[in-house]
N, C-alpha and C. Protein backbone atom coordinates (compact mmCIF):
# COMPACT_ATOMS: atom_id res chain seq x y z
N UNK A 1 7.28 12.75 -10.66
CA UNK A 1 6.26 13.07 -9.83
C UNK A 1 4.89 11.77 -10.11
N UNK A 2 4.99 11.82 -11.56
CA UNK A 2 3.12 10.88 -11.46
C UNK A 2 3.68 9.79 -11.11
N UNK A 3 4.84 8.97 -11.68
CA UNK A 3 5.20 7.80 -10.59
C UNK A 3 5.13 7.54 -10.08
N UNK A 4 5.49 8.40 -8.65
CA UNK A 4 5.34 8.33 -7.00
C UNK A 4 4.00 7.57 -6.98
N UNK A 5 3.27 8.87 -7.69
CA UNK A 5 1.78 8.84 -7.35
C UNK A 5 0.80 7.63 -7.66
N UNK A 6 1.48 7.42 -8.91
CA UNK A 6 0.81 6.01 -8.99
C UNK A 6 1.17 4.68 -8.29
N UNK A 7 2.22 4.87 -7.78
CA UNK A 7 3.14 3.69 -7.09
C UNK A 7 2.46 3.61 -5.90
N UNK A 8 2.19 4.80 -4.90
CA UNK A 8 2.25 4.85 -3.81
C UNK A 8 0.69 5.77 -4.01
N UNK A 9 0.07 5.69 -4.43
CA UNK A 9 -1.49 5.95 -4.55
C UNK A 9 -2.50 5.82 -3.27
N UNK A 10 -2.29 4.36 -2.65
CA UNK A 10 -3.11 4.42 -1.60
C UNK A 10 -2.09 5.03 -0.63
N UNK A 11 -1.42 5.23 -0.02
CA UNK A 11 -0.30 6.16 0.83
C UNK A 11 -0.74 7.40 0.68
N UNK A 12 -0.99 8.19 -0.78
CA UNK A 12 -1.23 9.52 -0.42
C UNK A 12 -2.74 9.48 -0.06
N UNK A 13 -3.56 8.93 -0.67
CA UNK A 13 -5.09 9.05 -0.32
C UNK A 13 -5.29 8.52 1.07
N UNK A 14 -4.46 7.42 1.90
CA UNK A 14 -4.83 7.33 3.15
C UNK A 14 -4.24 8.65 4.07
N UNK A 15 -3.20 9.51 3.50
CA UNK A 15 -2.49 10.51 4.45
C UNK A 15 -3.69 11.60 4.14
N UNK A 16 -4.30 11.54 2.82
CA UNK A 16 -5.06 12.90 2.76
C UNK A 16 -6.42 12.70 3.68
N UNK A 17 -6.69 10.61 3.68
CA UNK A 17 -8.17 10.85 4.40
C UNK A 17 -8.22 11.35 5.89
N UNK A 18 -6.84 10.63 6.29
CA UNK A 18 -6.68 10.62 7.43
C UNK A 18 -6.48 11.59 8.39
N UNK A 19 -5.91 13.07 7.49
CA UNK A 19 -5.47 14.28 7.53
C UNK A 19 -6.83 14.77 7.85
N UNK A 20 -8.03 15.03 6.66
CA UNK A 20 -9.02 15.17 6.96
C UNK A 20 -10.35 14.62 7.87
N UNK A 21 -9.65 13.60 8.45
CA UNK A 21 -10.87 13.13 9.39
C UNK A 21 -10.23 13.52 10.53
N UNK A 22 -8.90 13.73 10.59
CA UNK A 22 -8.10 14.50 12.08
C UNK A 22 -8.88 15.37 12.11
N UNK A 23 -8.52 16.61 10.89
CA UNK A 23 -9.10 17.99 10.91
C UNK A 23 -10.84 18.09 11.31
N UNK A 24 -11.42 17.22 10.99
CA UNK A 24 -13.00 16.94 11.25
C UNK A 24 -12.92 17.15 12.62
N UNK A 25 -12.65 15.90 13.35
CA UNK A 25 -12.77 15.16 14.80
C UNK A 25 -12.38 16.24 15.68
N UNK A 26 -10.49 16.68 15.39
CA UNK A 26 -9.99 16.84 16.61
C UNK A 26 -10.45 18.58 16.08
N UNK A 27 -10.67 19.23 15.27
CA UNK A 27 -10.85 20.46 14.86
C UNK A 27 -11.90 21.00 15.93
N UNK A 28 -12.83 20.49 16.76
CA UNK A 28 -13.84 20.41 17.82
C UNK A 28 -13.43 20.57 18.93
N UNK A 29 -12.03 19.86 19.18
CA UNK A 29 -11.60 20.00 20.31
C UNK A 29 -10.97 18.33 20.33
N UNK A 30 -9.83 18.34 21.25
CA UNK A 30 -9.11 17.16 21.63
C UNK A 30 -10.00 16.16 22.81
N UNK A 31 -10.62 14.92 22.26
CA UNK A 31 -11.39 14.10 23.02
C UNK A 31 -11.02 12.76 23.08
N UNK A 32 -10.68 12.17 24.23
CA UNK A 32 -9.95 10.77 24.22
C UNK A 32 -10.93 10.02 22.90
N UNK A 33 -12.00 9.95 22.63
CA UNK A 33 -12.34 9.45 22.13
C UNK A 33 -11.97 9.37 20.20
N UNK A 34 -12.33 11.12 20.16
CA UNK A 34 -12.26 11.37 18.69
C UNK A 34 -10.56 11.35 18.89
N UNK A 35 -9.26 10.75 19.50
CA UNK A 35 -8.27 10.61 19.22
C UNK A 35 -7.89 9.29 18.56
N UNK A 36 -8.88 8.11 19.90
CA UNK A 36 -8.95 6.99 19.50
C UNK A 36 -9.71 6.45 18.46
N UNK A 37 -10.63 7.24 17.64
CA UNK A 37 -10.75 7.10 16.13
C UNK A 37 -9.67 7.36 15.24
N UNK A 38 -9.13 8.54 15.28
CA UNK A 38 -7.76 8.81 14.41
C UNK A 38 -6.51 7.51 14.15
N UNK A 39 -6.60 7.31 15.45
CA UNK A 39 -5.50 6.26 15.74
C UNK A 39 -6.01 5.37 15.34
N UNK A 40 -7.32 4.52 15.35
CA UNK A 40 -7.47 3.31 14.74
C UNK A 40 -7.62 3.85 13.15
N UNK A 41 -7.72 4.34 12.82
CA UNK A 41 -7.65 4.94 11.22
C UNK A 41 -6.57 4.44 10.73
N UNK A 42 -5.34 4.97 12.01
CA UNK A 42 -3.64 5.22 10.92
C UNK A 42 -3.83 3.92 11.18
N UNK A 43 -4.01 3.11 12.38
CA UNK A 43 -3.78 1.23 12.32
C UNK A 43 -4.14 0.94 11.05
N UNK A 44 -5.52 0.69 11.00
CA UNK A 44 -6.25 0.35 9.84
C UNK A 44 -5.75 0.51 8.52
N UNK A 45 -4.80 1.89 8.34
CA UNK A 45 -4.76 1.97 7.14
C UNK A 45 -3.09 1.19 7.01
N UNK A 46 -2.33 1.19 8.04
CA UNK A 46 -1.35 0.78 8.04
C UNK A 46 -1.64 -0.84 7.90
N UNK A 47 -2.51 -1.66 8.59
CA UNK A 47 -2.36 -2.79 8.44
C UNK A 47 -2.66 -3.49 6.97
N UNK A 48 -3.66 -2.25 6.66
CA UNK A 48 -4.03 -2.90 5.34
C UNK A 48 -2.87 -2.25 4.20
N UNK A 49 -2.00 -1.48 4.35
CA UNK A 49 -0.92 -1.67 3.49
C UNK A 49 0.01 -2.40 3.63
N UNK A 50 0.15 -2.85 4.96
CA UNK A 50 1.10 -4.27 5.28
C UNK A 50 0.92 -5.27 4.71
N UNK A 51 -0.56 -5.79 4.70
CA UNK A 51 -1.30 -7.04 4.49
C UNK A 51 -1.13 -7.47 2.68
N UNK A 52 -1.16 -6.09 2.03
CA UNK A 52 -1.79 -6.07 0.55
C UNK A 52 -0.57 -5.76 -0.35
N UNK A 53 -0.01 -5.22 0.48
CA UNK A 53 1.29 -4.52 -1.09
C UNK A 53 1.75 -5.84 -1.43
N UNK A 54 2.30 -5.78 -2.48
CA UNK A 54 3.16 -6.42 -3.44
C UNK A 54 4.39 -7.11 -2.87
N UNK A 55 5.01 -8.15 -3.37
CA UNK A 55 6.40 -8.17 -2.91
C UNK A 55 6.93 -7.73 -4.15
N UNK A 56 8.59 -8.21 -4.09
CA UNK A 56 9.15 -8.09 -5.21
C UNK A 56 9.17 -7.78 -6.61
N UNK A 57 9.15 -7.11 -7.16
CA UNK A 57 8.29 -7.26 -9.06
C UNK A 57 9.40 -7.47 -9.97
N UNK A 58 10.45 -7.77 -9.83
CA UNK A 58 11.40 -7.96 -11.05
C UNK A 58 12.36 -9.09 -10.44
N UNK A 59 12.24 -10.07 -10.75
CA UNK A 59 13.18 -11.35 -10.98
C UNK A 59 14.40 -11.30 -11.81
N UNK A 60 15.46 -11.96 -11.35
CA UNK A 60 16.38 -12.48 -12.33
C UNK A 60 15.98 -13.94 -13.16
N UNK A 61 16.99 -13.88 -14.34
CA UNK A 61 16.64 -14.84 -14.96
C UNK A 61 16.53 -16.57 -14.52
N UNK A 62 17.38 -16.29 -13.88
CA UNK A 62 18.33 -17.92 -12.71
C UNK A 62 16.75 -18.00 -11.68
N UNK A 63 16.35 -17.12 -11.54
CA UNK A 63 14.98 -17.09 -10.57
C UNK A 63 13.75 -17.44 -11.26
N UNK A 64 13.64 -17.06 -12.70
CA UNK A 64 12.45 -17.23 -13.71
C UNK A 64 12.65 -18.69 -13.99
N UNK A 65 14.29 -19.31 -14.38
CA UNK A 65 13.80 -20.62 -14.19
C UNK A 65 14.18 -21.46 -13.64
N UNK A 66 14.53 -21.32 -12.22
CA UNK A 66 14.45 -22.44 -10.96
C UNK A 66 12.45 -22.46 -10.90
N UNK A 67 11.96 -20.79 -11.36
CA UNK A 67 10.60 -21.39 -11.01
C UNK A 67 9.61 -22.18 -11.86
N UNK A 68 10.32 -22.19 -13.35
CA UNK A 68 9.48 -22.93 -14.62
C UNK A 68 10.11 -24.23 -14.08
N UNK A 69 11.19 -24.12 -13.85
CA UNK A 69 11.47 -25.56 -14.29
C UNK A 69 11.05 -26.51 -12.64
N UNK A 70 10.69 -26.14 -11.87
CA UNK A 70 10.15 -26.81 -10.45
C UNK A 70 8.81 -27.69 -10.64
N UNK A 71 8.76 -27.64 -11.51
CA UNK A 71 7.15 -28.13 -12.34
C UNK A 71 5.91 -27.57 -11.57
N UNK A 72 5.76 -26.26 -11.36
CA UNK A 72 4.42 -26.20 -10.69
C UNK A 72 4.46 -24.58 -11.43
N UNK A 73 3.38 -24.88 -11.68
CA UNK A 73 2.39 -23.71 -12.68
C UNK A 73 2.92 -22.24 -12.64
N UNK A 74 3.44 -21.66 -13.63
CA UNK A 74 4.11 -20.40 -13.08
C UNK A 74 3.62 -19.31 -13.86
N UNK A 75 3.29 -17.62 -13.63
CA UNK A 75 2.68 -17.02 -14.24
C UNK A 75 3.69 -15.88 -14.38
N UNK A 76 4.23 -15.85 -15.30
CA UNK A 76 5.14 -14.74 -16.26
C UNK A 76 4.86 -13.43 -16.81
N UNK A 77 4.76 -12.33 -16.31
CA UNK A 77 4.38 -11.16 -16.15
C UNK A 77 5.59 -10.17 -17.24
N UNK A 78 5.09 -9.97 -18.10
CA UNK A 78 5.91 -9.05 -19.26
C UNK A 78 6.10 -8.07 -19.57
N UNK A 79 6.26 -6.70 -19.29
CA UNK A 79 5.76 -5.36 -19.19
C UNK A 79 7.02 -4.75 -20.00
N UNK A 80 6.39 -4.06 -21.52
CA UNK A 80 7.46 -3.15 -22.00
C UNK A 80 6.63 -1.73 -22.20
N UNK A 81 6.87 -0.63 -22.20
CA UNK A 81 6.81 0.66 -23.02
C UNK A 81 6.79 0.43 -24.52
N UNK A 82 7.25 -0.08 -24.96
CA UNK A 82 7.83 -0.06 -26.63
C UNK A 82 7.03 -1.33 -27.57
């Protein structure tokens, strides 16, 4: 559970934030402007997630060898719990 929250903390925060915004704005009544604000927040959060998500995190040994041998700078990051 903890790993899921760490990996998807933006999504958890966005759902909680938009849920709170929805309760605050739409709790007083359903008005077109309030609905538009909530929809804009959903669209902004979705756009932010799509623009700033990271790509694949694991590469095969062959992919690393191709990138290193191509003559351009490469950052190789290695992580281990041990």
